[in-house]
PDB file of N, CA and C in Angstrom:
ATOM      1  N   UNK A   1      95.836  67.011  87.655  1.00  0.00           N
ATOM      2  CA  UNK A   1      96.388  68.345  87.735  1.00  0.00           C
ATOM      3  C   UNK A   1      97.255  68.590  86.502  1.00  0.00           C
ATOM      4  N   UNK A   2      97.059  69.707  85.872  1.00  0.00           N
ATOM      5  CA  UNK A   2      97.820  70.072  84.680  1.00  0.00           C
ATOM      6  C   UNK A   2      99.241  70.474  85.063  1.00  0.00           C
ATOM      7  N   UNK A   3     100.131  70.296  84.123  1.00  0.00           N
ATOM      8  CA  UNK A   3     101.520  70.706  84.337  1.00  0.00           C
ATOM      9  C   UNK A   3     101.575  72.225  84.419  1.00  0.00           C
ATOM     10  N   UNK A   4     102.278  72.767  85.432  1.00  0.00           N
ATOM     11  CA  UNK A   4     102.326  74.226  85.572  1.00  0.00           C
ATOM     12  C   UNK A   4     103.080  74.876  84.418  1.00  0.00           C
ATOM     13  N   UNK A   5     102.704  76.118  84.133  1.00  0.00           N
ATOM     14  CA  UNK A   5     103.397  76.892  83.098  1.00  0.00           C
ATOM     15  C   UNK A   5     104.782  77.257  83.587  1.00  0.00           C
ATOM     16  N   UNK A   6     105.665  77.507  82.661  1.00  0.00           N
ATOM     17  CA  UNK A   6     107.017  77.940  83.012  1.00  0.00           C
ATOM     18  C   UNK A   6     108.016  76.810  82.866  1.00  0.00           C
ATOM     19  N   UNK A   7     109.228  77.082  83.287  1.00  0.00           N
ATOM     20  CA  UNK A   7     110.320  76.115  83.207  1.00  0.00           C
ATOM     21  C   UNK A   7     110.246  75.179  84.406  1.00  0.00           C
ATOM     22  N   UNK A   8     110.434  73.902  84.138  1.00  0.00           N
ATOM     23  CA  UNK A   8     110.251  72.893  85.172  1.00  0.00           C
ATOM     24  C   UNK A   8     111.581  72.452  85.762  1.00  0.00           C
ATOM     25  N   UNK A   9     111.659  72.502  87.072  1.00  0.00           N
ATOM     26  CA  UNK A   9     112.870  72.159  87.805  1.00  0.00           C
ATOM     27  C   UNK A   9     113.054  70.648  87.851  1.00  0.00           C
ATOM     28  N   UNK A  10     114.251  70.179  87.556  1.00  0.00           N
ATOM     29  CA  UNK A  10     114.612  68.776  87.736  1.00  0.00           C
ATOM     30  C   UNK A  10     114.939  68.619  89.217  1.00  0.00           C
ATOM     31  N   UNK A  11     113.990  68.073  89.971  1.00  0.00           N
ATOM     32  CA  UNK A  11     114.129  68.001  91.432  1.00  0.00           C
ATOM     33  C   UNK A  11     115.319  67.147  91.848  1.00  0.00           C
ATOM     34  N   UNK A  12     115.584  66.060  91.141  1.00  0.00           N
ATOM     35  CA  UNK A  12     116.724  65.203  91.498  1.00  0.00           C
ATOM     36  C   UNK A  12     118.033  65.962  91.327  1.00  0.00           C
ATOM     37  N   UNK A  13     118.168  66.687  90.229  1.00  0.00           N
ATOM     38  CA  UNK A  13     119.374  67.480  90.000  1.00  0.00           C
ATOM     39  C   UNK A  13     119.485  68.584  91.042  1.00  0.00           C
ATOM     40  N   UNK A  14     118.376  69.238  91.335  1.00  0.00           N
ATOM     41  CA  UNK A  14     118.354  70.315  92.332  1.00  0.00           C
ATOM     42  C   UNK A  14     118.828  69.801  93.684  1.00  0.00           C
ATOM     43  N   UNK A  15     118.261  68.690  94.128  1.00  0.00           N
ATOM     44  CA  UNK A  15     118.642  68.134  95.423  1.00  0.00           C
ATOM     45  C   UNK A  15     120.094  67.671  95.430  1.00  0.00           C
ATOM     46  N   UNK A  16     120.563  67.126  94.316  1.00  0.00           N
ATOM     47  CA  UNK A  16     121.956  66.711  94.211  1.00  0.00           C
ATOM     48  C   UNK A  16     122.912  67.879  94.299  1.00  0.00           C
ATOM     49  N   UNK A  17     122.574  68.974  93.608  1.00  0.00           N
ATOM     50  CA  UNK A  17     123.428  70.162  93.651  1.00  0.00           C
ATOM     51  C   UNK A  17     123.390  70.787  95.047  1.00  0.00           C
ATOM     52  N   UNK A  18     122.222  70.790  95.678  1.00  0.00           N
ATOM     53  CA  UNK A  18     122.139  71.297  97.059  1.00  0.00           C
ATOM     54  C   UNK A  18     123.102  70.533  97.959  1.00  0.00           C
ATOM     55  N   UNK A  19     123.091  69.210  97.850  1.00  0.00           N
ATOM     56  CA  UNK A  19     123.967  68.380  98.684  1.00  0.00           C
ATOM     57  C   UNK A  19     125.434  68.639  98.354  1.00  0.00           C
ATOM     58  N   UNK A  20     125.739  68.748  97.077  1.00  0.00           N
ATOM     59  CA  UNK A  20     127.115  68.994  96.645  1.00  0.00           C
ATOM     60  C   UNK A  20     127.632  70.335  97.163  1.00  0.00           C
ATOM     61  N   UNK A  21     126.780  71.347  97.137  1.00  0.00           N
ATOM     62  CA  UNK A  21     127.167  72.694  97.565  1.00  0.00           C
ATOM     63  C   UNK A  21     127.003  72.914  99.071  1.00  0.00           C
ATOM     64  N   UNK A  22     126.462  71.883  99.768  1.00  0.00           N
ATOM     65  CA  UNK A  22     126.185  71.996 101.207  1.00  0.00           C
ATOM     66  C   UNK A  22     125.288  73.194 101.494  1.00  0.00           C
ATOM     67  N   UNK A  23     124.247  73.323 100.667  1.00  0.00           N
ATOM     68  CA  UNK A  23     123.299  74.429 100.805  1.00  0.00           C
ATOM     69  C   UNK A  23     121.914  73.877 101.130  1.00  0.00           C
ATOM     70  N   UNK A  24     121.107  74.702 101.749  1.00  0.00           N
ATOM     71  CA  UNK A  24     119.716  74.362 102.022  1.00  0.00           C
ATOM     72  C   UNK A  24     118.820  75.115 101.045  1.00  0.00           C
ATOM     73  N   UNK A  25     117.566  74.747 101.019  1.00  0.00           N
ATOM     74  CA  UNK A  25     116.610  75.491 100.203  1.00  0.00           C
ATOM     75  C   UNK A  25     116.522  76.935 100.672  1.00  0.00           C
ATOM     76  N   UNK A  26     116.655  77.139 101.962  1.00  0.00           N
ATOM     77  CA  UNK A  26     116.645  78.509 102.502  1.00  0.00           C
ATOM     78  C   UNK A  26     117.811  79.319 101.959  1.00  0.00           C
ATOM     79  N   UNK A  27     118.983  78.684 101.860  1.00  0.00           N
ATOM     80  CA  UNK A  27     120.154  79.366 101.300  1.00  0.00           C
ATOM     81  C   UNK A  27     119.897  79.779  99.853  1.00  0.00           C
ATOM     82  N   UNK A  28     119.305  78.871  99.086  1.00  0.00           N
ATOM     83  CA  UNK A  28     119.016  79.154  97.676  1.00  0.00           C
ATOM     84  C   UNK A  28     117.983  80.263  97.567  1.00  0.00           C
ATOM     85  N   UNK A  29     116.952  80.201  98.392  1.00  0.00           N
ATOM     86  CA  UNK A  29     115.914  81.237  98.368  1.00  0.00           C
ATOM     87  C   UNK A  29     116.530  82.608  98.644  1.00  0.00           C
ATOM     88  N   UNK A  30     117.375  82.675  99.648  1.00  0.00           N
ATOM     89  CA  UNK A  30     118.001  83.950  99.994  1.00  0.00           C
ATOM     90  C   UNK A  30     118.919  84.440  98.872  1.00  0.00           C
ATOM     91  N   UNK A  31     119.756  83.547  98.355  1.00  0.00           N
ATOM     92  CA  UNK A  31     120.722  83.943  97.326  1.00  0.00           C
ATOM     93  C   UNK A  31     120.052  84.322  96.013  1.00  0.00           C
ATOM     94  N   UNK A  32     118.911  83.708  95.716  1.00  0.00           N
ATOM     95  CA  UNK A  32     118.221  83.987  94.452  1.00  0.00           C
ATOM     96  C   UNK A  32     117.116  85.022  94.601  1.00  0.00           C
ATOM     97  N   UNK A  33     116.942  85.524  95.840  1.00  0.00           N
ATOM     98  CA  UNK A  33     115.920  86.536  96.135  1.00  0.00           C
ATOM     99  C   UNK A  33     114.503  86.030  95.826  1.00  0.00           C
ATOM    100  N   UNK A  34     114.271  84.756  96.184  1.00  0.00           N
ATOM    101  CA  UNK A  34     112.968  84.134  96.029  1.00  0.00           C
ATOM    102  C   UNK A  34     112.455  83.740  97.409  1.00  0.00           C
ATOM    103  N   UNK A  35     111.162  83.523  97.517  1.00  0.00           N
ATOM    104  CA  UNK A  35     110.592  83.061  98.778  1.00  0.00           C
ATOM    105  C   UNK A  35     110.874  81.564  98.928  1.00  0.00           C
ATOM    106  N   UNK A  36     111.126  81.140 100.156  1.00  0.00           N
ATOM    107  CA  UNK A  36     111.370  79.728 100.434  1.00  0.00           C
ATOM    108  C   UNK A  36     110.182  78.883  99.995  1.00  0.00           C
ATOM    109  N   UNK A  37     108.975  79.370 100.213  1.00  0.00           N
ATOM    110  CA  UNK A  37     107.783  78.607  99.818  1.00  0.00           C
ATOM    111  C   UNK A  37     107.752  78.398  98.302  1.00  0.00           C
ATOM    112  N   UNK A  38     108.207  79.385  97.536  1.00  0.00           N
ATOM    113  CA  UNK A  38     108.253  79.243  96.078  1.00  0.00           C
ATOM    114  C   UNK A  38     109.287  78.191  95.679  1.00  0.00           C
ATOM    115  N   UNK A  39     110.457  78.218  96.308  1.00  0.00           N
ATOM    116  CA  UNK A  39     111.498  77.232  96.006  1.00  0.00           C
ATOM    117  C   UNK A  39     110.975  75.832  96.309  1.00  0.00           C
ATOM    118  N   UNK A  40     110.295  75.664  97.420  1.00  0.00           N
ATOM    119  CA  UNK A  40     109.733  74.364  97.782  1.00  0.00           C
ATOM    120  C   UNK A  40     108.663  73.915  96.800  1.00  0.00           C
ATOM    121  N   UNK A  41     107.792  74.844  96.400  1.00  0.00           N
ATOM    122  CA  UNK A  41     106.746  74.510  95.428  1.00  0.00           C
ATOM    123  C   UNK A  41     107.346  74.192  94.062  1.00  0.00           C
ATOM    124  N   UNK A  42     108.384  74.885  93.691  1.00  0.00           N
ATOM    125  CA  UNK A  42     109.072  74.627  92.430  1.00  0.00           C
ATOM    126  C   UNK A  42     109.676  73.223  92.443  1.00  0.00           C
ATOM    127  N   UNK A  43     110.327  72.871  93.549  1.00  0.00           N
ATOM    128  CA  UNK A  43     110.936  71.546  93.686  1.00  0.00           C
ATOM    129  C   UNK A  43     109.886  70.437  93.695  1.00  0.00           C
ATOM    130  N   UNK A  44     108.696  70.743  94.181  1.00  0.00           N
ATOM    131  CA  UNK A  44     107.611  69.754  94.223  1.00  0.00           C
ATOM    132  C   UNK A  44     106.846  69.681  92.907  1.00  0.00           C
ATOM    133  N   UNK A  45     107.166  70.560  91.963  1.00  0.00           N
ATOM    134  CA  UNK A  45     106.491  70.537  90.675  1.00  0.00           C
ATOM    135  C   UNK A  45     105.170  71.271  90.640  1.00  0.00           C
ATOM    136  N   UNK A  46     104.879  72.040  91.671  1.00  0.00           N
ATOM    137  CA  UNK A  46     103.613  72.788  91.704  1.00  0.00           C
ATOM    138  C   UNK A  46     103.659  74.067  90.884  1.00  0.00           C
ATOM    139  N   UNK A  47     104.865  74.595  90.657  1.00  0.00           N
ATOM    140  CA  UNK A  47     105.048  75.809  89.863  1.00  0.00           C
ATOM    141  C   UNK A  47     106.162  75.607  88.855  1.00  0.00           C
ATOM    142  N   UNK A  48     106.126  76.416  87.808  1.00  0.00           N
ATOM    143  CA  UNK A  48     107.229  76.497  86.871  1.00  0.00           C
ATOM    144  C   UNK A  48     107.904  77.854  87.075  1.00  0.00           C
ATOM    145  N   UNK A  49     109.138  77.959  86.634  1.00  0.00           N
ATOM    146  CA  UNK A  49     109.905  79.193  86.824  1.00  0.00           C
ATOM    147  C   UNK A  49     109.949  80.012  85.547  1.00  0.00           C
ATOM    148  N   UNK A  50     110.069  81.307  85.702  1.00  0.00           N
ATOM    149  CA  UNK A  50     110.317  82.183  84.554  1.00  0.00           C
ATOM    150  C   UNK A  50     111.793  82.026  84.177  1.00  0.00           C
ATOM    151  N   UNK A  51     112.171  82.414  82.969  1.00  0.00           N
ATOM    152  CA  UNK A  51     113.589  82.367  82.609  1.00  0.00           C
ATOM    153  C   UNK A  51     114.467  83.172  83.573  1.00  0.00           C
ATOM    154  N   UNK A  52     113.981  84.330  84.001  1.00  0.00           N
ATOM    155  CA  UNK A  52     114.732  85.174  84.939  1.00  0.00           C
ATOM    156  C   UNK A  52     114.953  84.440  86.265  1.00  0.00           C
ATOM    157  N   UNK A  53     113.896  83.813  86.774  1.00  0.00           N
ATOM    158  CA  UNK A  53     113.989  83.081  88.033  1.00  0.00           C
ATOM    159  C   UNK A  53     114.883  81.858  87.894  1.00  0.00           C
ATOM    160  N   UNK A  54     114.774  81.158  86.767  1.00  0.00           N
ATOM    161  CA  UNK A  54     115.630  79.987  86.526  1.00  0.00           C
ATOM    162  C   UNK A  54     117.095  80.392  86.559  1.00  0.00           C
ATOM    163  N   UNK A  55     117.416  81.528  85.962  1.00  0.00           N
ATOM    164  CA  UNK A  55     118.806  82.007  85.967  1.00  0.00           C
ATOM    165  C   UNK A  55     119.242  82.384  87.374  1.00  0.00           C
ATOM    166  N   UNK A  56     118.378  83.039  88.123  1.00  0.00           N
ATOM    167  CA  UNK A  56     118.726  83.440  89.489  1.00  0.00           C
ATOM    168  C   UNK A  56     118.996  82.219  90.371  1.00  0.00           C
ATOM    169  N   UNK A  57     118.182  81.196  90.248  1.00  0.00           N
ATOM    170  CA  UNK A  57     118.370  79.978  91.039  1.00  0.00           C
ATOM    171  C   UNK A  57     119.638  79.256  90.599  1.00  0.00           C
ATOM    172  N   UNK A  58     119.851  79.163  89.309  1.00  0.00           N
ATOM    173  CA  UNK A  58     121.061  78.514  88.788  1.00  0.00           C
ATOM    174  C   UNK A  58     122.315  79.258  89.216  1.00  0.00           C
ATOM    175  N   UNK A  59     122.266  80.580  89.159  1.00  0.00           N
ATOM    176  CA  UNK A  59     123.406  81.387  89.597  1.00  0.00           C
ATOM    177  C   UNK A  59     123.673  81.181  91.086  1.00  0.00           C
ATOM    178  N   UNK A  60     122.604  81.102  91.876  1.00  0.00           N
ATOM    179  CA  UNK A  60     122.763  80.893  93.318  1.00  0.00           C
ATOM    180  C   UNK A  60     123.463  79.568  93.612  1.00  0.00           C
ATOM    181  N   UNK A  61     123.205  78.566  92.761  1.00  0.00           N
ATOM    182  CA  UNK A  61     123.822  77.250  92.950  1.00  0.00           C
ATOM    183  C   UNK A  61     125.087  77.067  92.118  1.00  0.00           C
ATOM    184  N   UNK A  62     125.448  78.098  91.361  1.00  0.00           N
ATOM    185  CA  UNK A  62     126.669  78.076  90.548  1.00  0.00           C
ATOM    186  C   UNK A  62     126.687  76.915  89.546  1.00  0.00           C
ATOM    187  N   UNK A  63     125.558  76.723  88.841  1.00  0.00           N
ATOM    188  CA  UNK A  63     125.466  75.706  87.796  1.00  0.00           C
ATOM    189  C   UNK A  63     124.837  76.309  86.552  1.00  0.00           C
ATOM    190  N   UNK A  64     125.065  75.666  85.435  1.00  0.00           N
ATOM    191  CA  UNK A  64     124.419  76.059  84.185  1.00  0.00           C
ATOM    192  C   UNK A  64     122.911  75.853  84.345  1.00  0.00           C
ATOM    193  N   UNK A  65     122.087  76.771  83.861  1.00  0.00           N
ATOM    194  CA  UNK A  65     120.635  76.616  84.004  1.00  0.00           C
ATOM    195  C   UNK A  65     120.096  75.297  83.446  1.00  0.00           C
ATOM    196  N   UNK A  66     120.732  74.754  82.416  1.00  0.00           N
ATOM    197  CA  UNK A  66     120.282  73.490  81.837  1.00  0.00           C
ATOM    198  C   UNK A  66     120.410  72.308  82.774  1.00  0.00           C
ATOM    199  N   UNK A  67     121.256  72.430  83.782  1.00  0.00           N
ATOM    200  CA  UNK A  67     121.396  71.358  84.768  1.00  0.00           C
ATOM    201  C   UNK A  67     120.113  71.222  85.581  1.00  0.00           C
ATOM    202  N   UNK A  68     119.531  72.337  85.941  1.00  0.00           N
ATOM    203  CA  UNK A  68     118.335  72.334  86.789  1.00  0.00           C
ATOM    204  C   UNK A  68     117.031  72.394  86.007  1.00  0.00           C
ATOM    205  N   UNK A  69     117.071  73.008  84.842  1.00  0.00           N
ATOM    206  CA  UNK A  69     115.871  73.216  84.043  1.00  0.00           C
ATOM    207  C   UNK A  69     116.092  72.587  82.672  1.00  0.00           C
ATOM    208  N   UNK A  70     115.642  71.341  82.472  1.00  0.00           N
ATOM    209  CA  UNK A  70     115.924  70.610  81.236  1.00  0.00           C
ATOM    210  C   UNK A  70     115.542  71.337  79.951  1.00  0.00           C
ATOM    211  N   UNK A  71     114.519  72.189  80.002  1.00  0.00           N
ATOM    212  CA  UNK A  71     114.122  72.924  78.800  1.00  0.00           C
ATOM    213  C   UNK A  71     115.221  73.869  78.319  1.00  0.00           C
ATOM    214  N   UNK A  72     116.166  74.185  79.187  1.00  0.00           N
ATOM    215  CA  UNK A  72     117.231  75.131  78.845  1.00  0.00           C
ATOM    216  C   UNK A  72     118.530  74.457  78.403  1.00  0.00           C
ATOM    217  N   UNK A  73     118.543  73.126  78.325  1.00  0.00           N
ATOM    218  CA  UNK A  73     119.748  72.423  77.873  1.00  0.00           C
ATOM    219  C   UNK A  73     120.055  72.860  76.450  1.00  0.00           C
ATOM    220  N   UNK A  74     121.254  73.361  76.254  1.00  0.00           N
ATOM    221  CA  UNK A  74     121.691  73.780  74.932  1.00  0.00           C
ATOM    222  C   UNK A  74     121.156  75.117  74.477  1.00  0.00           C
ATOM    223  N   UNK A  75     120.381  75.793  75.319  1.00  0.00           N
ATOM    224  CA  UNK A  75     119.834  77.088  74.924  1.00  0.00           C
ATOM    225  C   UNK A  75     120.919  78.151  74.990  1.00  0.00           C
ATOM    226  N   UNK A  76     121.002  78.942  73.971  1.00  0.00           N
ATOM    227  CA  UNK A  76     121.870  80.117  73.989  1.00  0.00           C
ATOM    228  C   UNK A  76     121.011  81.311  73.603  1.00  0.00           C
ATOM    229  N   UNK A  77     121.210  82.389  74.296  1.00  0.00           N
ATOM    230  CA  UNK A  77     120.443  83.592  74.009  1.00  0.00           C
ATOM    231  C   UNK A  77     120.831  84.117  72.629  1.00  0.00           C
ATOM    232  N   UNK A  78     119.869  84.647  71.890  1.00  0.00           N
ATOM    233  CA  UNK A  78     120.190  85.187  70.571  1.00  0.00           C
ATOM    234  C   UNK A  78     121.123  86.395  70.707  1.00  0.00           C
ATOM    235  N   UNK A  79     121.985  86.533  69.705  1.00  0.00           N
ATOM    236  CA  UNK A  79     122.870  87.698  69.686  1.00  0.00           C
ATOM    237  C   UNK A  79     122.035  88.941  69.451  1.00  0.00           C
ATOM    238  N   UNK A  80     122.432  90.011  70.098  1.00  0.00           N
ATOM    239  CA  UNK A  80     121.738  91.288  69.900  1.00  0.00           C
ATOM    240  C   UNK A  80     122.491  92.073  68.836  1.00  0.00           C
ATOM    241  N   UNK A  81     121.739  92.567  67.893  1.00  0.00           N
ATOM    242  CA  UNK A  81     122.351  93.374  66.833  1.00  0.00           C
ATOM    243  C   UNK A  81     122.724  94.738  67.397  1.00  0.00           C
ATOM    244  N   UNK A  82     123.863  95.202  67.018  1.00  0.00           N
ATOM    245  CA  UNK A  82     124.299  96.529  67.442  1.00  0.00           C
ATOM    246  C   UNK A  82     123.907  97.527  66.367  1.00  0.00           C
ATOM    247  N   UNK A  83     123.173  98.559  66.758  1.00  0.00           N
ATOM    248  CA  UNK A  83     122.705  99.544  65.778  1.00  0.00           C
ATOM    249  C   UNK A  83     123.754 100.575  65.509  1.00  0.00           C
TER     250      UNK A  83
END
């Protein structure tokens, strides 16, 4: 099976943060406005997340996106030029 497109969730970090925050996958799904089945598939490595979804999940867990999505470690959004 090929690696899914998108940002890949670090399942160990995700589960650790869930335990630390005393949250369930259902809590994260609700807070991030995602389906529980998607959160479960993401944690199992069946899907990758879009940048928008990665931010929503990270915000729901109150962590930097790089904690959960290794591709985002050290990423900073480019500055927008003001016209």
